[in-house]
């Protein structure tokens, strides 16, 4: 799964950009950063949300349009912006790098509980011990749930995937991995799932649901052998040094936004229309693990 421009090597950019200081900032104005990507109309789309922030925070809010998610993450770390919407992996990188950021809320889809999981999927009920010496299908090294989170978090649990499995089979997508499991080229595959809703349709979203929607046969033979901790979809994050009263106003305003002004909510979260959930630092531990020292030996080796 790739969400909101997943980062693959953000720490290099953060190191090179770590030059400014927010220690003397007065916060008389509030700096809100957004990653532009390819959205040429983003300023007009975001304007109602910027105005809402001014009302909630009772001060001018300056909008900073930043080309990429990597650069937006660096801007938050460096103190060039006070608040930004990051992917889970971008937040994990920032938090692991400096400890200078804090999550307030995350958005959720319109169904489910607002969390998803990285998963290992096998053809029949198996445990990770059963899969020792078997073949695992993995996606490219930039994939959040098809590579980075499972490898890093299994390593934290004492399972080095490269040693535990006989072969790591490279596949393009999660569905390709499940097809490899079904035709015998792999014994298990990495993917993601909400793990909510009906198992008969592969749950509400994720790799099993994609497999179901593809029309491929044998969904009833596939089962989940391992799950990560629940993962938030994104992170509305601020710098730790933001005054507590501003953090409280901002968080309360975000939590109330969908009910008060649904159009304004969709201006900032068009892909996750289910409203905001309160989050805490520990909710991003699985993402942070992918940037830890222990993960390097399993993540940074050449791909299969």
C-alpha atoms as a PDB file:
ATOM      1  CA  UNK A   1       0.000   0.000   0.000  1.00  0.00           C
ATOM      2  CA  UNK A   2       1.243   3.496  -0.895  1.00  0.00           C
ATOM      3  CA  UNK A   3      -0.572   6.362   0.890  1.00  0.00           C
ATOM      4  CA  UNK A   4      -0.226  10.090   0.281  1.00  0.00           C
ATOM      5  CA  UNK A   5       3.191   9.899  -1.410  1.00  0.00           C
ATOM      6  CA  UNK A   6       5.066   7.323   0.663  1.00  0.00           C
ATOM      7  CA  UNK A   7       8.644   8.337   1.530  1.00  0.00           C
ATOM      8  CA  UNK A   8      11.507   6.003   0.774  1.00  0.00           C
ATOM      9  CA  UNK A   9      14.613   8.036   1.762  1.00  0.00           C
ATOM     10  CA  UNK A  10      13.324  11.094   3.576  1.00  0.00           C
ATOM     11  CA  UNK A  11      16.028  11.191   6.235  1.00  0.00           C
ATOM     12  CA  UNK A  12      18.680  12.358   3.745  1.00  0.00           C
ATOM     13  CA  UNK A  13      16.505  15.316   2.800  1.00  0.00           C
ATOM     14  CA  UNK A  14      15.839  16.152   6.454  1.00  0.00           C
ATOM     15  CA  UNK A  15      19.545  16.182   7.270  1.00  0.00           C
ATOM     16  CA  UNK A  16      20.347  18.432   4.319  1.00  0.00           C
ATOM     17  CA  UNK A  17      17.477  20.789   5.127  1.00  0.00           C
ATOM     18  CA  UNK A  18      17.917  21.061   8.884  1.00  0.00           C
ATOM     19  CA  UNK A  19      19.107  24.671   8.987  1.00  0.00           C
ATOM     20  CA  UNK A  20      16.387  26.893  10.411  1.00  0.00           C
ATOM     21  CA  UNK A  21      15.309  27.384  14.006  1.00  0.00           C
ATOM     22  CA  UNK A  22      11.856  27.883  15.516  1.00  0.00           C
ATOM     23  CA  UNK A  23      13.100  28.711  18.998  1.00  0.00           C
ATOM     24  CA  UNK A  24      12.309  32.419  18.717  1.00  0.00           C
ATOM     25  CA  UNK A  25       8.968  32.020  16.958  1.00  0.00           C
ATOM     26  CA  UNK A  26       6.114  34.050  18.476  1.00  0.00           C
ATOM     27  CA  UNK A  27       3.231  32.151  16.824  1.00  0.00           C
ATOM     28  CA  UNK A  28       1.389  35.446  16.250  1.00  0.00           C
ATOM     29  CA  UNK A  29       0.889  33.984  12.778  1.00  0.00           C
ATOM     30  CA  UNK A  30       0.317  30.299  12.096  1.00  0.00           C
ATOM     31  CA  UNK A  31       2.120  28.511   9.261  1.00  0.00           C
ATOM     32  CA  UNK A  32       0.246  25.676   7.537  1.00  0.00           C
ATOM     33  CA  UNK A  33       2.056  23.585   4.925  1.00  0.00           C
ATOM     34  CA  UNK A  34       0.556  21.429   2.162  1.00  0.00           C
ATOM     35  CA  UNK A  35       2.264  19.140  -0.345  1.00  0.00           C
ATOM     36  CA  UNK A  36       1.195  20.229  -3.814  1.00  0.00           C
ATOM     37  CA  UNK A  37       2.094  17.166  -5.872  1.00  0.00           C
ATOM     38  CA  UNK A  38       0.359  17.479  -9.234  1.00  0.00           C
ATOM     39  CA  UNK A  39      -2.682  19.384  -7.956  1.00  0.00           C
ATOM     40  CA  UNK A  40      -2.617  22.701  -9.830  1.00  0.00           C
ATOM     41  CA  UNK A  41      -5.812  23.930  -8.137  1.00  0.00           C
ATOM     42  CA  UNK A  42      -4.807  23.130  -4.575  1.00  0.00           C
ATOM     43  CA  UNK A  43      -4.626  26.747  -3.356  1.00  0.00           C
ATOM     44  CA  UNK A  44      -8.246  27.394  -4.312  1.00  0.00           C
ATOM     45  CA  UNK A  45      -9.366  24.045  -2.921  1.00  0.00           C
ATOM     46  CA  UNK A  46      -7.591  24.518   0.418  1.00  0.00           C
ATOM     47  CA  UNK A  47      -8.678  28.132   0.969  1.00  0.00           C
ATOM     48  CA  UNK A  48     -11.914  27.278   2.896  1.00  0.00           C
ATOM     49  CA  UNK A  49      -9.852  25.121   5.252  1.00  0.00           C
ATOM     50  CA  UNK A  50      -7.289  27.911   5.749  1.00  0.00           C
ATOM     51  CA  UNK A  51     -10.110  30.306   6.658  1.00  0.00           C
ATOM     52  CA  UNK A  52     -11.516  27.726   9.088  1.00  0.00           C
ATOM     53  CA  UNK A  53      -8.107  27.502  10.763  1.00  0.00           C
ATOM     54  CA  UNK A  54      -8.026  31.275  11.196  1.00  0.00           C
ATOM     55  CA  UNK A  55     -11.407  31.144  12.926  1.00  0.00           C
ATOM     56  CA  UNK A  56     -10.398  28.254  15.188  1.00  0.00           C
ATOM     57  CA  UNK A  57      -6.965  29.640  16.091  1.00  0.00           C
ATOM     58  CA  UNK A  58      -7.967  33.331  16.209  1.00  0.00           C
ATOM     59  CA  UNK A  59      -4.921  34.494  14.274  1.00  0.00           C
ATOM     60  CA  UNK A  60      -3.732  34.816  10.675  1.00  0.00           C
ATOM     61  CA  UNK A  61      -2.887  31.520   8.976  1.00  0.00           C
ATOM     62  CA  UNK A  62      -0.315  31.535   6.182  1.00  0.00           C
ATOM     63  CA  UNK A  63      -0.557  28.760   3.607  1.00  0.00           C
ATOM     64  CA  UNK A  64       2.720  27.313   2.325  1.00  0.00           C
ATOM     65  CA  UNK A  65       2.442  25.249  -0.867  1.00  0.00           C
ATOM     66  CA  UNK A  66       5.399  22.864  -0.915  1.00  0.00           C
ATOM     67  CA  UNK A  67       6.198  20.741  -3.983  1.00  0.00           C
ATOM     68  CA  UNK A  68       6.605  17.268  -2.445  1.00  0.00           C
ATOM     69  CA  UNK A  69       5.781  15.307   0.681  1.00  0.00           C
ATOM     70  CA  UNK A  70       9.507  14.852   1.396  1.00  0.00           C
ATOM     71  CA  UNK A  71      10.004  18.629   1.344  1.00  0.00           C
ATOM     72  CA  UNK A  72       6.885  19.219   3.446  1.00  0.00           C
ATOM     73  CA  UNK A  73       8.165  16.782   6.067  1.00  0.00           C
ATOM     74  CA  UNK A  74      11.513  18.583   6.136  1.00  0.00           C
ATOM     75  CA  UNK A  75       9.720  21.929   6.460  1.00  0.00           C
ATOM     76  CA  UNK A  76       7.841  20.698   9.545  1.00  0.00           C
ATOM     77  CA  UNK A  77      10.999  19.293  11.119  1.00  0.00           C
ATOM     78  CA  UNK A  78      12.927  22.478  10.392  1.00  0.00           C
ATOM     79  CA  UNK A  79      10.203  24.743  11.816  1.00  0.00           C
ATOM     80  CA  UNK A  80       9.430  26.368   8.479  1.00  0.00           C
ATOM     81  CA  UNK A  81       5.776  25.372   9.023  1.00  0.00           C
ATOM     82  CA  UNK A  82       3.870  24.739  12.253  1.00  0.00           C
ATOM     83  CA  UNK A  83       1.328  22.208  10.954  1.00  0.00           C
ATOM     84  CA  UNK A  84       1.203  19.742   8.079  1.00  0.00           C
ATOM     85  CA  UNK A  85      -0.740  16.731   6.878  1.00  0.00           C
ATOM     86  CA  UNK A  86       1.692  13.812   6.492  1.00  0.00           C
ATOM     87  CA  UNK A  87       1.385  10.192   5.487  1.00  0.00           C
ATOM     88  CA  UNK A  88       1.944   7.679   8.253  1.00  0.00           C
ATOM     89  CA  UNK A  89       5.421   6.896   6.919  1.00  0.00           C
ATOM     90  CA  UNK A  90       6.320  10.575   6.568  1.00  0.00           C
ATOM     91  CA  UNK A  91       5.301  11.158  10.184  1.00  0.00           C
ATOM     92  CA  UNK A  92       7.288   8.097  11.271  1.00  0.00           C
ATOM     93  CA  UNK A  93      10.370   9.454   9.499  1.00  0.00           C
ATOM     94  CA  UNK A  94      10.025  12.891  11.076  1.00  0.00           C
ATOM     95  CA  UNK A  95       9.417  11.542  14.563  1.00  0.00           C
ATOM     96  CA  UNK A  96      12.237   9.010  14.361  1.00  0.00           C
ATOM     97  CA  UNK A  97      14.614  11.687  13.051  1.00  0.00           C
ATOM     98  CA  UNK A  98      14.045  14.531  15.497  1.00  0.00           C
ATOM     99  CA  UNK A  99      11.308  13.829  18.058  1.00  0.00           C
ATOM    100  CA  UNK A 100      10.154  17.392  17.398  1.00  0.00           C
ATOM    101  CA  UNK A 101       6.699  16.601  15.997  1.00  0.00           C
ATOM    102  CA  UNK A 102       3.405  15.523  17.529  1.00  0.00           C
ATOM    103  CA  UNK A 103       0.324  13.930  15.916  1.00  0.00           C
ATOM    104  CA  UNK A 104      -3.098  15.373  16.721  1.00  0.00           C
ATOM    105  CA  UNK A 105      -5.603  13.517  14.542  1.00  0.00           C
ATOM    106  CA  UNK A 106      -5.804  11.189  11.563  1.00  0.00           C
ATOM    107  CA  UNK A 107      -8.519  10.915   8.940  1.00  0.00           C
ATOM    108  CA  UNK A 108     -10.470   7.755   8.198  1.00  0.00           C
ATOM    109  CA  UNK A 109     -12.480   6.261   5.329  1.00  0.00           C
ATOM    110  CA  UNK A 110     -16.263   6.331   5.442  1.00  0.00           C
ATOM    111  CA  UNK A 111     -16.390   2.681   6.565  1.00  0.00           C
ATOM    112  CA  UNK A 112     -14.411   0.719   9.137  1.00  0.00           C
ATOM    113  CA  UNK A 113     -12.655   1.784  12.301  1.00  0.00           C
ATOM    114  CA  UNK A 114     -10.112   4.171  10.813  1.00  0.00           C
ATOM    115  CA  UNK A 115      -7.159   1.790  10.944  1.00  0.00           C
ATOM    116  CA  UNK A 116      -5.581  -0.792   8.663  1.00  0.00           C
ATOM    117  CA  UNK A 117      -2.927  -3.491   9.065  1.00  0.00           C
ATOM    118  CA  UNK A 118       0.067  -4.808   7.204  1.00  0.00           C
ATOM    119  CA  UNK A 119      -0.510  -8.556   6.825  1.00  0.00           C
ATOM    120  CA  UNK A 120       1.137 -11.798   5.765  1.00  0.00           C
ATOM    121  CA  UNK A 121      -1.342 -13.880   3.754  1.00  0.00           C
ATOM    122  CA  UNK A 122      -1.039 -17.625   3.165  1.00  0.00           C
ATOM    123  CA  UNK A 123      -3.114 -20.225   1.323  1.00  0.00           C
ATOM    124  CA  UNK A 124      -4.187 -22.123   4.424  1.00  0.00           C
ATOM    125  CA  UNK A 125      -4.109 -21.393   8.171  1.00  0.00           C
ATOM    126  CA  UNK A 126      -0.423 -21.118   9.065  1.00  0.00           C
ATOM    127  CA  UNK A 127       1.677 -19.403  11.708  1.00  0.00           C
ATOM    128  CA  UNK A 128       4.941 -17.583  11.107  1.00  0.00           C
ATOM    129  CA  UNK A 129       6.688 -20.626  12.575  1.00  0.00           C
ATOM    130  CA  UNK A 130       4.971 -22.802   9.968  1.00  0.00           C
ATOM    131  CA  UNK A 131       6.291 -20.515   7.230  1.00  0.00           C
ATOM    132  CA  UNK A 132       9.958 -20.925   8.209  1.00  0.00           C
ATOM    133  CA  UNK A 133      11.935 -22.034   5.181  1.00  0.00           C
ATOM    134  CA  UNK A 134       9.088 -21.187   2.799  1.00  0.00           C
ATOM    135  CA  UNK A 135       8.773 -18.637  -0.036  1.00  0.00           C
ATOM    136  CA  UNK A 136       7.440 -15.105   0.571  1.00  0.00           C
ATOM    137  CA  UNK A 137       6.193 -12.725  -2.132  1.00  0.00           C
ATOM    138  CA  UNK A 138       7.224  -9.091  -1.502  1.00  0.00           C
ATOM    139  CA  UNK A 139       6.764  -5.824  -3.390  1.00  0.00           C
ATOM    140  CA  UNK A 140       9.372  -3.133  -4.083  1.00  0.00           C
ATOM    141  CA  UNK A 141      11.347  -1.522  -1.286  1.00  0.00           C
ATOM    142  CA  UNK A 142       9.228   1.662  -1.312  1.00  0.00           C
ATOM    143  CA  UNK A 143       5.995  -0.170  -0.525  1.00  0.00           C
ATOM    144  CA  UNK A 144       4.700   0.585   2.963  1.00  0.00           C
ATOM    145  CA  UNK A 145       2.783  -2.627   3.606  1.00  0.00           C
ATOM    146  CA  UNK A 146       4.221  -4.735   0.801  1.00  0.00           C
ATOM    147  CA  UNK A 147       7.760  -4.455   2.180  1.00  0.00           C
ATOM    148  CA  UNK A 148       8.829  -1.903   4.787  1.00  0.00           C
ATOM    149  CA  UNK A 149       6.404  -2.294   7.696  1.00  0.00           C
ATOM    150  CA  UNK A 150       6.247  -6.117   7.681  1.00  0.00           C
ATOM    151  CA  UNK A 151      10.012  -6.560   7.372  1.00  0.00           C
ATOM    152  CA  UNK A 152      10.856  -3.940  10.016  1.00  0.00           C
ATOM    153  CA  UNK A 153       8.212  -4.979  12.540  1.00  0.00           C
ATOM    154  CA  UNK A 154       8.815  -8.706  12.173  1.00  0.00           C
ATOM    155  CA  UNK A 155      12.481  -7.901  12.833  1.00  0.00           C
ATOM    156  CA  UNK A 156      11.421  -6.189  16.084  1.00  0.00           C
ATOM    157  CA  UNK A 157       9.586  -9.394  16.994  1.00  0.00           C
ATOM    158  CA  UNK A 158      12.736 -11.442  16.423  1.00  0.00           C
ATOM    159  CA  UNK A 159      11.978 -12.700  12.902  1.00  0.00           C
ATOM    160  CA  UNK A 160      14.518 -11.684  10.267  1.00  0.00           C
ATOM    161  CA  UNK A 161      12.473 -12.206   7.117  1.00  0.00           C
ATOM    162  CA  UNK A 162      15.541 -12.756   4.944  1.00  0.00           C
ATOM    163  CA  UNK A 163      16.680 -15.593   7.191  1.00  0.00           C
ATOM    164  CA  UNK A 164      13.242 -16.940   8.098  1.00  0.00           C
ATOM    165  CA  UNK A 165      12.119 -17.509   4.500  1.00  0.00           C
ATOM    166  CA  UNK A 166      13.986 -19.562   1.920  1.00  0.00           C
ATOM    167  CA  UNK A 167      13.128 -17.165  -0.903  1.00  0.00           C
ATOM    168  CA  UNK A 168      11.795 -13.625  -1.275  1.00  0.00           C
ATOM    169  CA  UNK A 169       9.892 -13.491  -4.560  1.00  0.00           C
ATOM    170  CA  UNK A 170       9.545  -9.997  -6.075  1.00  0.00           C
ATOM    171  CA  UNK A 171       6.044  -9.155  -7.357  1.00  0.00           C
ATOM    172  CA  UNK A 172       4.573  -5.921  -8.699  1.00  0.00           C
ATOM    173  CA  UNK A 173       1.361  -5.719  -6.630  1.00  0.00           C
ATOM    174  CA  UNK A 174      -0.351  -7.329  -3.680  1.00  0.00           C
ATOM    175  CA  UNK A 175      -2.780  -9.115  -6.008  1.00  0.00           C
ATOM    176  CA  UNK A 176       0.182 -10.489  -7.990  1.00  0.00           C
ATOM    177  CA  UNK A 177       1.519 -11.836  -4.701  1.00  0.00           C
ATOM    178  CA  UNK A 178      -1.748 -13.633  -3.938  1.00  0.00           C
ATOM    179  CA  UNK A 179      -1.828 -15.080  -7.447  1.00  0.00           C
ATOM    180  CA  UNK A 180       1.698 -16.390  -6.791  1.00  0.00           C
ATOM    181  CA  UNK A 181       0.436 -18.009  -3.594  1.00  0.00           C
ATOM    182  CA  UNK A 182      -2.512 -19.582  -5.401  1.00  0.00           C
ATOM    183  CA  UNK A 183      -0.417 -21.009  -8.261  1.00  0.00           C
ATOM    184  CA  UNK A 184       2.312 -22.347  -5.956  1.00  0.00           C
ATOM    185  CA  UNK A 185       5.155 -19.940  -6.744  1.00  0.00           C
ATOM    186  CA  UNK A 186       5.002 -18.563  -3.175  1.00  0.00           C
ATOM    187  CA  UNK A 187       3.758 -19.871   0.147  1.00  0.00           C
ATOM    188  CA  UNK A 188       2.776 -16.457   1.543  1.00  0.00           C
ATOM    189  CA  UNK A 189       2.595 -12.842   0.433  1.00  0.00           C
ATOM    190  CA  UNK A 190       2.691  -9.378   1.996  1.00  0.00           C
ATOM    191  CA  UNK A 191      -0.236  -6.985   1.769  1.00  0.00           C
ATOM    192  CA  UNK A 192      -2.637  -4.879   3.804  1.00  0.00           C
ATOM    193  CA  UNK A 193      -6.194  -5.100   5.071  1.00  0.00           C
ATOM    194  CA  UNK A 194      -8.698  -3.266   7.227  1.00  0.00           C
ATOM    195  CA  UNK A 195      -9.688  -6.661   8.706  1.00  0.00           C
ATOM    196  CA  UNK A 196     -13.179  -5.230   9.177  1.00  0.00           C
ATOM    197  CA  UNK A 197     -16.308  -6.134   7.268  1.00  0.00           C
ATOM    198  CA  UNK A 198     -17.024  -9.423   5.527  1.00  0.00           C
ATOM    199  CA  UNK A 199     -14.184 -11.922   4.971  1.00  0.00           C
ATOM    200  CA  UNK A 200     -16.208 -13.275   2.036  1.00  0.00           C
ATOM    201  CA  UNK A 201     -15.416 -10.081   0.085  1.00  0.00           C
ATOM    202  CA  UNK A 202     -11.880  -9.680   1.427  1.00  0.00           C
ATOM    203  CA  UNK A 203     -12.997  -7.205   4.130  1.00  0.00           C
ATOM    204  CA  UNK A 204     -13.792  -3.547   3.388  1.00  0.00           C
ATOM    205  CA  UNK A 205     -10.476  -2.670   1.735  1.00  0.00           C
ATOM    206  CA  UNK A 206      -6.982  -3.988   1.166  1.00  0.00           C
ATOM    207  CA  UNK A 207      -5.158  -6.679  -0.764  1.00  0.00           C
ATOM    208  CA  UNK A 208      -7.742  -9.405  -0.125  1.00  0.00           C
ATOM    209  CA  UNK A 209     -10.528  -7.067  -1.214  1.00  0.00           C
ATOM    210  CA  UNK A 210      -8.550  -6.137  -4.342  1.00  0.00           C
ATOM    211  CA  UNK A 211      -8.177  -9.861  -5.063  1.00  0.00           C
ATOM    212  CA  UNK A 212     -11.931 -10.355  -4.673  1.00  0.00           C
ATOM    213  CA  UNK A 213     -12.699  -7.403  -6.965  1.00  0.00           C
ATOM    214  CA  UNK A 214     -10.262  -8.727  -9.577  1.00  0.00           C
ATOM    215  CA  UNK A 215     -12.495 -11.766 -10.044  1.00  0.00           C
ATOM    216  CA  UNK A 216      -9.692 -14.209  -9.241  1.00  0.00           C
ATOM    217  CA  UNK A 217     -10.739 -17.490  -7.680  1.00  0.00           C
ATOM    218  CA  UNK A 218      -9.823 -19.018  -4.346  1.00  0.00           C
ATOM    219  CA  UNK A 219     -10.366 -16.153  -1.904  1.00  0.00           C
ATOM    220  CA  UNK A 220     -11.919 -18.608   0.547  1.00  0.00           C
ATOM    221  CA  UNK A 221      -8.607 -20.509   0.643  1.00  0.00           C
ATOM    222  CA  UNK A 222      -6.561 -17.455   1.695  1.00  0.00           C
ATOM    223  CA  UNK A 223      -5.984 -16.611   5.341  1.00  0.00           C
ATOM    224  CA  UNK A 224      -4.014 -14.089   7.404  1.00  0.00           C
ATOM    225  CA  UNK A 225      -0.922 -15.531   9.110  1.00  0.00           C
ATOM    226  CA  UNK A 226       0.395 -12.317  10.715  1.00  0.00           C
ATOM    227  CA  UNK A 227      -0.848  -8.767  11.312  1.00  0.00           C
ATOM    228  CA  UNK A 228       0.904  -5.576  12.272  1.00  0.00           C
ATOM    229  CA  UNK A 229      -0.388  -3.200  14.897  1.00  0.00           C
ATOM    230  CA  UNK A 230      -3.309  -1.023  13.698  1.00  0.00           C
ATOM    231  CA  UNK A 231      -2.022   1.738  11.406  1.00  0.00           C
ATOM    232  CA  UNK A 232      -3.490   5.254  11.028  1.00  0.00           C
ATOM    233  CA  UNK A 233      -4.092   6.453   7.477  1.00  0.00           C
ATOM    234  CA  UNK A 234      -2.319   9.793   7.919  1.00  0.00           C
ATOM    235  CA  UNK A 235      -1.147  12.290  10.532  1.00  0.00           C
ATOM    236  CA  UNK A 236      -2.231  15.875  11.045  1.00  0.00           C
ATOM    237  CA  UNK A 237       0.938  16.850  12.857  1.00  0.00           C
ATOM    238  CA  UNK A 238       2.376  19.913  14.557  1.00  0.00           C
ATOM    239  CA  UNK A 239       5.724  20.814  16.017  1.00  0.00           C
ATOM    240  CA  UNK A 240       6.110  19.905  19.679  1.00  0.00           C
ATOM    241  CA  UNK A 241       7.021  23.493  20.584  1.00  0.00           C
ATOM    242  CA  UNK A 242       3.635  24.825  19.480  1.00  0.00           C
ATOM    243  CA  UNK A 243       1.893  26.332  22.552  1.00  0.00           C
ATOM    244  CA  UNK A 244      -0.464  23.901  24.256  1.00  0.00           C
ATOM    245  CA  UNK A 245      -3.467  26.173  23.868  1.00  0.00           C
ATOM    246  CA  UNK A 246      -2.966  26.287  20.101  1.00  0.00           C
ATOM    247  CA  UNK A 247      -2.624  22.506  19.949  1.00  0.00           C
ATOM    248  CA  UNK A 248      -5.859  22.129  21.892  1.00  0.00           C
ATOM    249  CA  UNK A 249      -7.744  24.621  19.724  1.00  0.00           C
ATOM    250  CA  UNK A 250      -6.473  23.011  16.543  1.00  0.00           C
ATOM    251  CA  UNK A 251      -7.241  19.461  17.638  1.00  0.00           C
ATOM    252  CA  UNK A 252     -10.735  20.334  18.873  1.00  0.00           C
ATOM    253  CA  UNK A 253     -11.449  22.238  15.671  1.00  0.00           C
ATOM    254  CA  UNK A 254     -10.348  19.311  13.518  1.00  0.00           C
ATOM    255  CA  UNK A 255     -12.392  16.784  15.487  1.00  0.00           C
ATOM    256  CA  UNK A 256     -15.503  18.943  15.061  1.00  0.00           C
ATOM    257  CA  UNK A 257     -14.914  19.833  11.424  1.00  0.00           C
ATOM    258  CA  UNK A 258     -16.868  17.105   9.602  1.00  0.00           C
ATOM    259  CA  UNK A 259     -19.991  17.756  11.657  1.00  0.00           C
ATOM    260  CA  UNK A 260     -19.759  21.530  11.386  1.00  0.00           C
ATOM    261  CA  UNK A 261     -18.577  22.017   7.807  1.00  0.00           C
ATOM    262  CA  UNK A 262     -18.386  18.823   5.728  1.00  0.00           C
ATOM    263  CA  UNK A 263     -17.398  20.706   2.570  1.00  0.00           C
ATOM    264  CA  UNK A 264     -14.444  22.262   4.379  1.00  0.00           C
ATOM    265  CA  UNK A 265     -13.463  18.833   5.725  1.00  0.00           C
ATOM    266  CA  UNK A 266     -13.449  17.378   2.199  1.00  0.00           C
ATOM    267  CA  UNK A 267     -11.281  20.269   1.048  1.00  0.00           C
ATOM    268  CA  UNK A 268      -8.427  18.929   3.181  1.00  0.00           C
ATOM    269  CA  UNK A 269      -9.314  15.196   3.207  1.00  0.00           C
ATOM    270  CA  UNK A 270     -11.022  14.381  -0.129  1.00  0.00           C
ATOM    271  CA  UNK A 271      -9.840  10.745  -0.090  1.00  0.00           C
ATOM    272  CA  UNK A 272     -10.723   9.933   3.534  1.00  0.00           C
ATOM    273  CA  UNK A 273     -14.281  11.226   4.059  1.00  0.00           C
ATOM    274  CA  UNK A 274     -15.061   9.557   7.386  1.00  0.00           C
ATOM    275  CA  UNK A 275     -13.917  12.296   9.759  1.00  0.00           C
ATOM    276  CA  UNK A 276     -11.020  12.700  12.159  1.00  0.00           C
ATOM    277  CA  UNK A 277      -9.884  10.448  15.005  1.00  0.00           C
ATOM    278  CA  UNK A 278      -7.676  11.453  17.901  1.00  0.00           C
ATOM    279  CA  UNK A 279      -4.225   9.841  17.754  1.00  0.00           C
ATOM    280  CA  UNK A 280      -1.151   9.581  19.948  1.00  0.00           C
ATOM    281  CA  UNK A 281       2.550   9.087  19.301  1.00  0.00           C
ATOM    282  CA  UNK A 282       2.467   5.328  19.927  1.00  0.00           C
ATOM    283  CA  UNK A 283      -0.019   4.868  17.063  1.00  0.00           C
ATOM    284  CA  UNK A 284       2.877   5.483  14.652  1.00  0.00           C
ATOM    285  CA  UNK A 285       5.402   3.110  16.238  1.00  0.00           C
ATOM    286  CA  UNK A 286       5.099   0.606  13.374  1.00  0.00           C
ATOM    287  CA  UNK A 287       6.017   3.353  10.896  1.00  0.00           C
ATOM    288  CA  UNK A 288       8.852   4.624  13.085  1.00  0.00           C
ATOM    289  CA  UNK A 289      10.278   1.110  13.246  1.00  0.00           C
ATOM    290  CA  UNK A 290      11.045   1.263   9.525  1.00  0.00           C
ATOM    291  CA  UNK A 291      13.532   4.083  10.196  1.00  0.00           C
ATOM    292  CA  UNK A 292      15.217   2.430  13.179  1.00  0.00           C
ATOM    293  CA  UNK A 293      18.736   1.031  13.310  1.00  0.00           C
ATOM    294  CA  UNK A 294      17.473  -2.537  13.757  1.00  0.00           C
ATOM    295  CA  UNK A 295      15.490  -2.337  10.522  1.00  0.00           C
ATOM    296  CA  UNK A 296      18.423  -1.371   8.324  1.00  0.00           C
ATOM    297  CA  UNK A 297      19.935  -4.836   8.115  1.00  0.00           C
ATOM    298  CA  UNK A 298      16.689  -6.262   6.751  1.00  0.00           C
ATOM    299  CA  UNK A 299      15.431  -3.294   4.678  1.00  0.00           C
ATOM    300  CA  UNK A 300      18.587  -2.022   3.033  1.00  0.00           C
ATOM    301  CA  UNK A 301      19.906  -5.231   1.504  1.00  0.00           C
ATOM    302  CA  UNK A 302      19.436  -5.657  -2.272  1.00  0.00           C
ATOM    303  CA  UNK A 303      15.954  -6.674  -3.332  1.00  0.00           C
ATOM    304  CA  UNK A 304      15.205 -10.105  -4.747  1.00  0.00           C
END
